[in-house]
Amino acid sequence: IQRMRNQMEMLVANEHSLRFAMGDAIAAASYGPNATRVETLQMKGLSSSHQSIEVVCACPHGATEDEVLPLIFFFHSGGLIVGSVNAELHKARHLAQESKSVVCSFEYRLAPE
């Protein structure tokens, strides 16, 4: 399973492979002159283990800190078994750019192998 996850992340690891795999519009949201801004946050968990969850948020190009934007929660695919935020960050960035929204994706714990 980890090998599949690594292969998915390698497929979108650079601009050239992302353009080849997903097309120009999606690649432009990550690498173009109007690329989205990405911030990574740590959110403290509510369980007794107090583990933090990584949250990656993409903001559309040109958005200011004072601007109020809609918020979209983006959960990567993989059926809770495979996948990661990094493997599908390009989709979240494209969604943020097209919808003029803040798109937050969570690196949730995957099911055990």
N, C-alpha and C. Protein backbone atom coordinates (compact mmCIF):
# COMPACT_ATOMS: atom_id res chain seq x y z
N ILE A 1 0.84 -1.19 0.00
CA ILE A 1 0.00 0.00 0.00
C ILE A 1 0.88 1.25 0.00
N GLN A 2 1.93 1.24 0.80
CA GLN A 2 2.82 2.40 0.83
C GLN A 2 3.46 2.63 -0.54
N ARG A 3 3.78 1.55 -1.24
CA ARG A 3 4.37 1.69 -2.57
C ARG A 3 3.38 2.38 -3.53
N MET A 4 2.09 2.01 -3.46
CA MET A 4 1.08 2.66 -4.29
C MET A 4 0.98 4.14 -3.96
N ARG A 5 1.03 4.46 -2.68
CA ARG A 5 0.95 5.85 -2.24
C ARG A 5 2.14 6.64 -2.78
N ASN A 6 3.33 6.07 -2.72
CA ASN A 6 4.52 6.74 -3.23
C ASN A 6 4.43 6.96 -4.74
N GLN A 7 3.90 5.98 -5.47
CA GLN A 7 3.76 6.11 -6.91
C GLN A 7 2.79 7.22 -7.28
N MET A 8 1.69 7.36 -6.53
CA MET A 8 0.73 8.43 -6.81
C MET A 8 1.37 9.79 -6.58
N GLU A 9 2.15 9.92 -5.50
CA GLU A 9 2.80 11.19 -5.21
C GLU A 9 3.87 11.52 -6.25
N MET A 10 4.58 10.50 -6.76
CA MET A 10 5.60 10.75 -7.79
C MET A 10 4.97 11.22 -9.09
N LEU A 11 3.76 10.74 -9.38
CA LEU A 11 3.09 11.10 -10.63
C LEU A 11 2.84 12.61 -10.72
N VAL A 12 2.64 13.26 -9.59
CA VAL A 12 2.32 14.69 -9.61
C VAL A 12 3.41 15.51 -8.91
N ALA A 13 4.62 15.00 -8.85
CA ALA A 13 5.69 15.62 -8.08
C ALA A 13 6.30 16.86 -8.75
N ASN A 14 6.16 17.01 -10.05
CA ASN A 14 6.75 18.19 -10.70
C ASN A 14 5.81 18.70 -11.79
N GLU A 15 6.12 19.87 -12.28
CA GLU A 15 5.23 20.53 -13.24
C GLU A 15 5.05 19.70 -14.51
N HIS A 16 6.13 19.17 -15.04
CA HIS A 16 6.05 18.43 -16.29
C HIS A 16 5.14 17.20 -16.16
N SER A 17 5.36 16.40 -15.12
CA SER A 17 4.54 15.19 -14.97
C SER A 17 3.09 15.54 -14.64
N LEU A 18 2.87 16.62 -13.89
CA LEU A 18 1.50 17.04 -13.59
C LEU A 18 0.78 17.49 -14.86
N ARG A 19 1.46 18.25 -15.71
CA ARG A 19 0.85 18.68 -16.97
C ARG A 19 0.52 17.47 -17.84
N PHE A 20 1.43 16.49 -17.87
CA PHE A 20 1.20 15.29 -18.66
C PHE A 20 0.01 14.49 -18.13
N ALA A 21 -0.06 14.32 -16.81
CA ALA A 21 -1.09 13.48 -16.21
C ALA A 21 -2.45 14.16 -16.12
N MET A 22 -2.48 15.47 -15.83
CA MET A 22 -3.75 16.12 -15.52
C MET A 22 -4.14 17.26 -16.46
N GLY A 23 -3.22 17.75 -17.27
CA GLY A 23 -3.55 18.82 -18.20
C GLY A 23 -3.10 20.19 -17.72
N ASP A 24 -3.15 21.15 -18.63
CA ASP A 24 -2.62 22.49 -18.37
C ASP A 24 -3.39 23.25 -17.31
N ALA A 25 -4.72 23.15 -17.30
CA ALA A 25 -5.51 23.95 -16.36
C ALA A 25 -5.19 23.59 -14.91
N ILE A 26 -5.08 22.31 -14.62
CA ILE A 26 -4.78 21.89 -13.25
C ILE A 26 -3.34 22.23 -12.90
N ALA A 27 -2.42 22.03 -13.83
CA ALA A 27 -1.01 22.36 -13.57
C ALA A 27 -0.82 23.85 -13.35
N ALA A 28 -1.57 24.68 -14.03
CA ALA A 28 -1.43 26.13 -13.88
C ALA A 28 -1.78 26.60 -12.47
N ALA A 29 -2.70 25.92 -11.81
CA ALA A 29 -3.06 26.31 -10.44
C ALA A 29 -1.92 26.05 -9.47
N SER A 30 -1.01 25.13 -9.81
CA SER A 30 0.11 24.82 -8.95
C SER A 30 1.40 25.52 -9.38
N TYR A 31 1.60 25.70 -10.69
CA TYR A 31 2.87 26.19 -11.18
C TYR A 31 2.78 27.46 -12.03
N GLY A 32 1.61 27.87 -12.42
CA GLY A 32 1.47 29.02 -13.31
C GLY A 32 1.74 30.35 -12.61
N PRO A 33 1.71 31.43 -13.37
CA PRO A 33 1.97 32.76 -12.78
C PRO A 33 0.92 33.16 -11.76
N ASN A 34 -0.27 32.60 -11.84
CA ASN A 34 -1.34 32.89 -10.89
C ASN A 34 -1.58 31.70 -9.95
N ALA A 35 -0.52 31.03 -9.57
CA ALA A 35 -0.64 29.83 -8.74
C ALA A 35 -1.25 30.17 -7.38
N THR A 36 -1.93 29.20 -6.83
CA THR A 36 -2.55 29.39 -5.52
C THR A 36 -1.48 29.41 -4.43
N ARG A 37 -1.82 30.03 -3.32
CA ARG A 37 -0.94 30.05 -2.15
C ARG A 37 -1.33 28.89 -1.25
N VAL A 38 -0.33 28.18 -0.70
CA VAL A 38 -0.60 27.01 0.13
C VAL A 38 0.01 27.23 1.51
N GLU A 39 -0.78 26.94 2.53
CA GLU A 39 -0.33 27.03 3.92
C GLU A 39 -0.59 25.68 4.58
N THR A 40 0.36 25.22 5.40
CA THR A 40 0.19 23.98 6.15
C THR A 40 0.05 24.31 7.62
N LEU A 41 -1.00 23.77 8.23
CA LEU A 41 -1.29 24.02 9.63
C LEU A 41 -1.31 22.70 10.39
N GLN A 42 -1.10 22.77 11.69
CA GLN A 42 -1.25 21.60 12.55
C GLN A 42 -2.46 21.83 13.44
N MET A 43 -3.43 20.93 13.38
CA MET A 43 -4.64 21.05 14.17
C MET A 43 -4.62 19.98 15.25
N LYS A 44 -4.76 20.40 16.48
CA LYS A 44 -4.71 19.45 17.59
C LYS A 44 -5.95 18.56 17.58
N GLY A 45 -5.74 17.26 17.76
CA GLY A 45 -6.83 16.31 17.76
C GLY A 45 -7.67 16.40 19.02
N LEU A 46 -8.88 15.91 18.95
CA LEU A 46 -9.79 15.94 20.10
C LEU A 46 -9.74 14.67 20.93
N SER A 47 -9.08 13.64 20.42
CA SER A 47 -9.03 12.38 21.15
C SER A 47 -8.06 12.46 22.32
N SER A 48 -8.08 11.46 23.16
CA SER A 48 -7.22 11.45 24.34
C SER A 48 -5.74 11.33 23.98
N SER A 49 -5.45 10.89 22.75
CA SER A 49 -4.05 10.75 22.35
C SER A 49 -3.42 12.11 22.00
N HIS A 50 -4.25 13.11 21.76
CA HIS A 50 -3.80 14.48 21.46
C HIS A 50 -2.85 14.55 20.26
N GLN A 51 -3.03 13.68 19.31
CA GLN A 51 -2.22 13.75 18.10
C GLN A 51 -2.72 14.90 17.23
N SER A 52 -1.78 15.58 16.58
CA SER A 52 -2.19 16.68 15.71
C SER A 52 -2.43 16.14 14.30
N ILE A 53 -3.26 16.85 13.57
CA ILE A 53 -3.61 16.50 12.20
C ILE A 53 -3.09 17.61 11.30
N GLU A 54 -2.42 17.22 10.23
CA GLU A 54 -1.93 18.21 9.28
C GLU A 54 -3.07 18.65 8.37
N VAL A 55 -3.23 19.95 8.24
CA VAL A 55 -4.25 20.53 7.38
C VAL A 55 -3.55 21.43 6.36
N VAL A 56 -3.76 21.16 5.09
CA VAL A 56 -3.15 21.94 4.02
C VAL A 56 -4.25 22.77 3.37
N CYS A 57 -4.08 24.09 3.36
CA CYS A 57 -5.10 24.99 2.81
C CYS A 57 -4.55 25.71 1.59
N ALA A 58 -5.33 25.75 0.54
CA ALA A 58 -4.98 26.46 -0.69
C ALA A 58 -5.89 27.67 -0.82
N CYS A 59 -5.28 28.82 -1.09
CA CYS A 59 -6.03 30.07 -1.28
C CYS A 59 -5.85 30.52 -2.72
N PRO A 60 -6.89 31.07 -3.32
CA PRO A 60 -6.76 31.52 -4.71
C PRO A 60 -5.78 32.67 -4.84
N HIS A 61 -5.17 32.76 -6.00
CA HIS A 61 -4.22 33.84 -6.28
C HIS A 61 -4.91 35.19 -6.14
N GLY A 62 -4.25 36.10 -5.48
CA GLY A 62 -4.77 37.45 -5.34
C GLY A 62 -5.66 37.66 -4.13
N ALA A 63 -5.97 36.61 -3.40
CA ALA A 63 -6.81 36.76 -2.20
C ALA A 63 -6.02 37.47 -1.11
N THR A 64 -6.65 38.40 -0.43
CA THR A 64 -5.98 39.12 0.65
C THR A 64 -6.39 38.55 1.99
N GLU A 65 -5.63 38.88 3.03
CA GLU A 65 -5.93 38.38 4.36
C GLU A 65 -7.25 38.94 4.90
N ASP A 66 -7.67 40.10 4.44
CA ASP A 66 -8.91 40.73 4.91
C ASP A 66 -10.14 40.22 4.17
N GLU A 67 -9.93 39.55 3.07
CA GLU A 67 -11.05 39.09 2.24
C GLU A 67 -11.72 37.85 2.87
N VAL A 68 -13.03 37.85 2.89
CA VAL A 68 -13.78 36.70 3.41
C VAL A 68 -14.14 35.82 2.22
N LEU A 69 -13.68 34.56 2.27
CA LEU A 69 -13.91 33.63 1.17
C LEU A 69 -14.65 32.39 1.67
N PRO A 70 -15.38 31.73 0.78
CA PRO A 70 -16.01 30.46 1.16
C PRO A 70 -14.93 29.43 1.51
N LEU A 71 -15.30 28.45 2.32
CA LEU A 71 -14.38 27.39 2.73
C LEU A 71 -14.90 26.05 2.23
N ILE A 72 -14.02 25.29 1.59
CA ILE A 72 -14.36 23.96 1.10
C ILE A 72 -13.43 22.95 1.77
N PHE A 73 -14.00 21.90 2.35
CA PHE A 73 -13.20 20.81 2.89
C PHE A 73 -13.02 19.77 1.78
N PHE A 74 -11.77 19.44 1.51
CA PHE A 74 -11.42 18.51 0.42
C PHE A 74 -10.79 17.26 1.04
N PHE A 75 -11.43 16.11 0.87
CA PHE A 75 -10.89 14.85 1.38
C PHE A 75 -10.34 14.05 0.20
N HIS A 76 -9.05 13.72 0.27
CA HIS A 76 -8.43 12.99 -0.84
C HIS A 76 -9.07 11.62 -1.00
N SER A 77 -8.97 11.10 -2.21
CA SER A 77 -9.55 9.78 -2.50
C SER A 77 -8.64 8.68 -1.98
N GLY A 78 -9.11 7.47 -2.04
CA GLY A 78 -8.33 6.32 -1.61
C GLY A 78 -9.07 5.43 -0.64
N GLY A 79 -10.31 5.76 -0.35
CA GLY A 79 -11.14 4.90 0.49
C GLY A 79 -10.59 4.65 1.87
N LEU A 80 -9.93 5.64 2.45
CA LEU A 80 -9.33 5.55 3.78
C LEU A 80 -8.22 4.51 3.86
N ILE A 81 -7.74 4.02 2.71
CA ILE A 81 -6.70 3.00 2.69
C ILE A 81 -5.42 3.54 2.07
N VAL A 82 -5.52 4.23 0.94
CA VAL A 82 -4.36 4.80 0.26
C VAL A 82 -4.62 6.28 0.00
N GLY A 83 -3.62 6.96 -0.48
CA GLY A 83 -3.74 8.37 -0.83
C GLY A 83 -3.15 9.27 0.22
N SER A 84 -2.96 10.52 -0.15
CA SER A 84 -2.41 11.52 0.76
C SER A 84 -2.78 12.90 0.25
N VAL A 85 -2.59 13.88 1.09
CA VAL A 85 -2.84 15.27 0.69
C VAL A 85 -1.93 15.63 -0.47
N ASN A 86 -0.66 15.27 -0.39
CA ASN A 86 0.29 15.64 -1.44
C ASN A 86 -0.03 15.01 -2.78
N ALA A 87 -0.60 13.81 -2.77
CA ALA A 87 -0.94 13.14 -4.02
C ALA A 87 -2.07 13.85 -4.76
N GLU A 88 -2.91 14.60 -4.05
CA GLU A 88 -4.03 15.26 -4.70
C GLU A 88 -4.09 16.76 -4.41
N LEU A 89 -2.97 17.32 -3.98
CA LEU A 89 -2.93 18.75 -3.70
C LEU A 89 -3.22 19.57 -4.96
N HIS A 90 -2.80 19.07 -6.10
CA HIS A 90 -3.04 19.79 -7.36
C HIS A 90 -4.54 19.97 -7.60
N LYS A 91 -5.35 18.99 -7.22
CA LYS A 91 -6.80 19.11 -7.41
C LYS A 91 -7.39 20.15 -6.45
N ALA A 92 -6.90 20.16 -5.23
CA ALA A 92 -7.37 21.15 -4.26
C ALA A 92 -6.99 22.56 -4.70
N ARG A 93 -5.77 22.72 -5.23
CA ARG A 93 -5.33 24.04 -5.69
C ARG A 93 -6.17 24.51 -6.88
N HIS A 94 -6.47 23.60 -7.79
CA HIS A 94 -7.29 23.95 -8.96
C HIS A 94 -8.70 24.34 -8.51
N LEU A 95 -9.25 23.58 -7.56
CA LEU A 95 -10.58 23.90 -7.03
C LEU A 95 -10.59 25.27 -6.36
N ALA A 96 -9.53 25.58 -5.61
CA ALA A 96 -9.44 26.89 -4.95
C ALA A 96 -9.40 28.01 -5.99
N GLN A 97 -8.63 27.82 -7.03
CA GLN A 97 -8.49 28.86 -8.06
C GLN A 97 -9.79 29.06 -8.83
N GLU A 98 -10.44 27.98 -9.21
CA GLU A 98 -11.66 28.08 -10.02
C GLU A 98 -12.86 28.57 -9.22
N SER A 99 -12.95 28.18 -7.95
CA SER A 99 -14.12 28.53 -7.15
C SER A 99 -13.92 29.80 -6.32
N LYS A 100 -12.69 30.34 -6.34
CA LYS A 100 -12.35 31.52 -5.52
C LYS A 100 -12.69 31.25 -4.06
N SER A 101 -12.29 30.07 -3.59
CA SER A 101 -12.55 29.64 -2.22
C SER A 101 -11.26 29.18 -1.57
N VAL A 102 -11.27 29.09 -0.25
CA VAL A 102 -10.18 28.47 0.48
C VAL A 102 -10.52 26.98 0.54
N VAL A 103 -9.58 26.15 0.11
CA VAL A 103 -9.79 24.71 0.10
C VAL A 103 -8.82 24.07 1.08
N CYS A 104 -9.36 23.40 2.10
CA CYS A 104 -8.53 22.76 3.13
C CYS A 104 -8.65 21.25 3.00
N SER A 105 -7.50 20.59 3.01
CA SER A 105 -7.43 19.15 2.89
C SER A 105 -6.72 18.58 4.11
N PHE A 106 -7.25 17.51 4.65
CA PHE A 106 -6.74 16.93 5.89
C PHE A 106 -5.93 15.67 5.60
N GLU A 107 -4.80 15.54 6.27
CA GLU A 107 -3.99 14.32 6.17
C GLU A 107 -4.46 13.39 7.26
N TYR A 108 -5.57 12.69 7.00
CA TYR A 108 -6.16 11.83 8.01
C TYR A 108 -5.45 10.49 8.07
N ARG A 109 -5.62 9.83 9.18
CA ARG A 109 -4.98 8.53 9.40
C ARG A 109 -5.64 7.50 8.51
N LEU A 110 -4.80 6.72 7.80
CA LEU A 110 -5.31 5.67 6.95
C LEU A 110 -5.52 4.38 7.73
N ALA A 111 -6.35 3.51 7.19
CA ALA A 111 -6.61 2.23 7.83
C ALA A 111 -5.33 1.40 7.87
N PRO A 112 -5.16 0.58 8.90
CA PRO A 112 -3.96 -0.27 8.95
C PRO A 112 -3.95 -1.29 7.82
N GLU A 113 -2.75 -1.69 7.43
CA GLU A 113 -2.63 -2.63 6.29
C GLU A 113 -3.12 -3.96 6.65
